[in-house]
């Protein structure tokens, strides 16, 4: 048993020295004083915080392992991830940066349907390019 890093034999040695130095009557007074002081320390808020912190530090590795396990369970199945990576690899193998990418995801949305009646849909506004103007020769 250790208290504050002091073993049983050291505590016994200190008690024998205190009994020799103080004597039996002063030893009782010193014991009461030390007991009151220890009670005030143990019941203080600082001691409670220290105990909570030490217990938290003792359980921290297990808590971290539990959280990591939960995160792994939330991740997709490793087979699904492998298939996604294979698909990405196939895409990159056939990919040529000089060719335009043709995916429907990046194409413009179709124009809205005309309202009821004979109204024509509004034409999108376009800017003229340099090829549209031909100088008169």
Protein backbone atom coordinates (compact mmCIF):
# COMPACT_ATOMS: atom_id res chain seq x y z
CA UNK A 1 0.00 0.00 0.00
CA UNK A 2 1.35 3.42 -0.96
CA UNK A 3 0.05 6.83 0.03
CA UNK A 4 1.58 9.79 -1.84
CA UNK A 5 4.45 7.57 -2.98
CA UNK A 6 5.32 6.54 0.62
CA UNK A 7 5.20 2.82 1.36
CA UNK A 8 4.07 1.01 4.53
CA UNK A 9 7.54 0.68 6.03
CA UNK A 10 8.24 4.41 5.59
CA UNK A 11 4.92 5.33 7.26
CA UNK A 12 5.72 3.03 10.21
CA UNK A 13 9.16 4.61 10.56
CA UNK A 14 7.67 8.14 10.54
CA UNK A 15 5.09 7.16 13.21
CA UNK A 16 7.81 5.74 15.49
CA UNK A 17 9.91 8.91 15.08
CA UNK A 18 6.86 11.11 15.80
CA UNK A 19 6.06 9.06 18.94
CA UNK A 20 9.64 9.42 20.19
CA UNK A 21 9.87 13.15 19.40
CA UNK A 22 6.37 14.30 20.41
CA UNK A 23 5.51 11.86 23.16
CA UNK A 24 2.13 10.16 23.69
CA UNK A 25 0.07 13.26 24.66
CA UNK A 26 1.33 15.56 21.90
CA UNK A 27 1.00 12.66 19.47
CA UNK A 28 -2.79 12.62 20.06
CA UNK A 29 -3.05 16.38 19.40
CA UNK A 30 -0.92 16.08 16.26
CA UNK A 31 -3.04 13.14 15.07
CA UNK A 32 -6.29 15.11 15.55
CA UNK A 33 -4.81 18.12 13.73
CA UNK A 34 -3.57 15.98 10.85
CA UNK A 35 -6.92 14.15 10.67
CA UNK A 36 -8.89 17.43 10.47
CA UNK A 37 -6.55 18.72 7.78
CA UNK A 38 -6.83 15.50 5.73
CA UNK A 39 -10.65 15.56 6.06
CA UNK A 40 -10.77 19.14 4.77
CA UNK A 41 -8.51 18.19 1.85
CA UNK A 42 -10.50 15.08 0.91
CA UNK A 43 -13.89 16.83 1.08
CA UNK A 44 -12.71 19.88 -0.90
CA UNK A 45 -13.81 20.56 -4.49
CA UNK A 46 -10.22 20.46 -5.72
CA UNK A 47 -9.81 16.89 -4.47
CA UNK A 48 -13.04 15.83 -6.23
CA UNK A 49 -11.85 17.37 -9.48
CA UNK A 50 -8.51 15.61 -9.12
CA UNK A 51 -10.21 12.24 -8.56
CA UNK A 52 -12.51 12.76 -11.55
CA UNK A 53 -9.56 13.73 -13.74
CA UNK A 54 -7.48 10.72 -12.72
CA UNK A 55 -10.38 8.33 -13.33
CA UNK A 56 -10.98 9.96 -16.73
CA UNK A 57 -7.30 9.55 -17.62
CA UNK A 58 -7.43 5.87 -16.61
CA UNK A 59 -10.45 5.18 -18.83
CA UNK A 60 -9.34 7.39 -21.74
CA UNK A 61 -7.55 4.67 -23.78
CA UNK A 62 -10.61 2.37 -23.61
CA UNK A 63 -12.94 5.23 -24.53
CA UNK A 64 -10.79 6.19 -27.52
CA UNK A 65 -10.73 2.57 -28.74
CA UNK A 66 -14.53 2.36 -28.38
CA UNK A 67 -15.01 5.58 -30.38
CA UNK A 68 -12.65 4.36 -33.11
CA UNK A 69 -14.56 1.08 -33.30
CA UNK A 70 -17.87 2.96 -33.65
CA UNK A 71 -16.44 5.07 -36.46
CA UNK A 72 -15.22 1.96 -38.26
CA UNK A 73 -18.70 0.45 -37.98
CA UNK A 74 -20.18 3.58 -39.56
CA UNK A 75 -17.85 3.41 -42.57
CA UNK A 76 -19.07 1.62 -45.70
CA UNK A 77 -18.27 -2.00 -46.22
CA UNK A 78 -14.67 -2.43 -47.40
CA UNK A 79 -15.91 -4.24 -50.51
CA UNK A 80 -17.99 -1.21 -51.52
CA UNK A 81 -14.97 1.06 -51.06
CA UNK A 82 -12.80 -1.30 -53.13
CA UNK A 83 -15.38 -1.30 -55.96
CA UNK A 84 -15.58 2.51 -55.92
CA UNK A 85 -11.79 2.74 -56.11
CA UNK A 86 -11.68 0.26 -59.01
CA UNK A 87 -14.28 2.32 -60.87
CA UNK A 88 -12.27 5.49 -60.31
CA UNK A 89 -9.12 3.70 -61.49
CA UNK A 90 -10.84 2.55 -64.69
CA UNK A 91 -12.07 6.10 -65.34
CA UNK A 92 -8.59 7.53 -64.85
CA UNK A 93 -6.99 4.84 -67.04
CA UNK A 94 -9.21 5.77 -70.00
CA UNK A 95 -9.18 9.51 -69.28
CA UNK A 96 -7.56 11.83 -71.79
CA UNK A 97 -7.19 15.44 -70.61
CA UNK A 98 -7.48 16.67 -74.21
CA UNK A 99 -10.94 15.19 -74.70
CA UNK A 100 -13.95 16.93 -73.16
CA UNK A 101 -15.68 15.10 -70.35
CA UNK A 102 -19.16 14.01 -71.36
CA UNK A 103 -21.22 13.52 -68.28
CA UNK A 104 -24.83 14.47 -67.81
CA UNK A 105 -24.03 15.85 -64.41
CA UNK A 106 -22.36 18.95 -65.85
CA UNK A 107 -24.75 19.67 -68.73
CA UNK A 108 -27.18 22.56 -68.63
CA UNK A 109 -30.74 21.92 -67.52
CA UNK A 110 -33.41 21.83 -70.26
CA UNK A 111 -35.47 25.00 -70.72
CA UNK A 112 -38.71 25.18 -68.75
CA UNK A 113 -41.90 24.00 -70.42
CA UNK A 114 -44.12 26.77 -71.84
CA UNK A 115 -47.05 27.92 -69.78
CA UNK A 116 -50.60 27.09 -70.81
CA UNK A 117 -51.58 29.12 -73.85
CA UNK A 118 -49.82 30.24 -77.02
CA UNK A 119 -46.82 31.87 -75.36
CA UNK A 120 -43.37 31.10 -76.72
CA UNK A 121 -40.67 30.15 -74.22
CA UNK A 122 -38.15 32.89 -73.53
CA UNK A 123 -34.91 32.48 -75.47
CA UNK A 124 -31.74 32.55 -73.40
CA UNK A 125 -29.62 35.64 -73.86
CA UNK A 126 -26.40 34.91 -75.76
CA UNK A 127 -23.31 37.02 -76.25
CA UNK A 128 -21.87 37.33 -79.73
CA UNK A 129 -18.47 35.77 -80.27
CA UNK A 130 -15.69 36.97 -82.60
CA UNK A 131 -16.63 34.40 -85.24
CA UNK A 132 -20.14 35.93 -85.57
CA UNK A 133 -18.84 39.21 -87.04
CA UNK A 134 -17.46 39.10 -90.57
CA UNK A 135 -15.86 42.21 -91.92
CA UNK A 136 -17.17 43.58 -95.22
CA UNK A 137 -14.62 42.94 -97.93
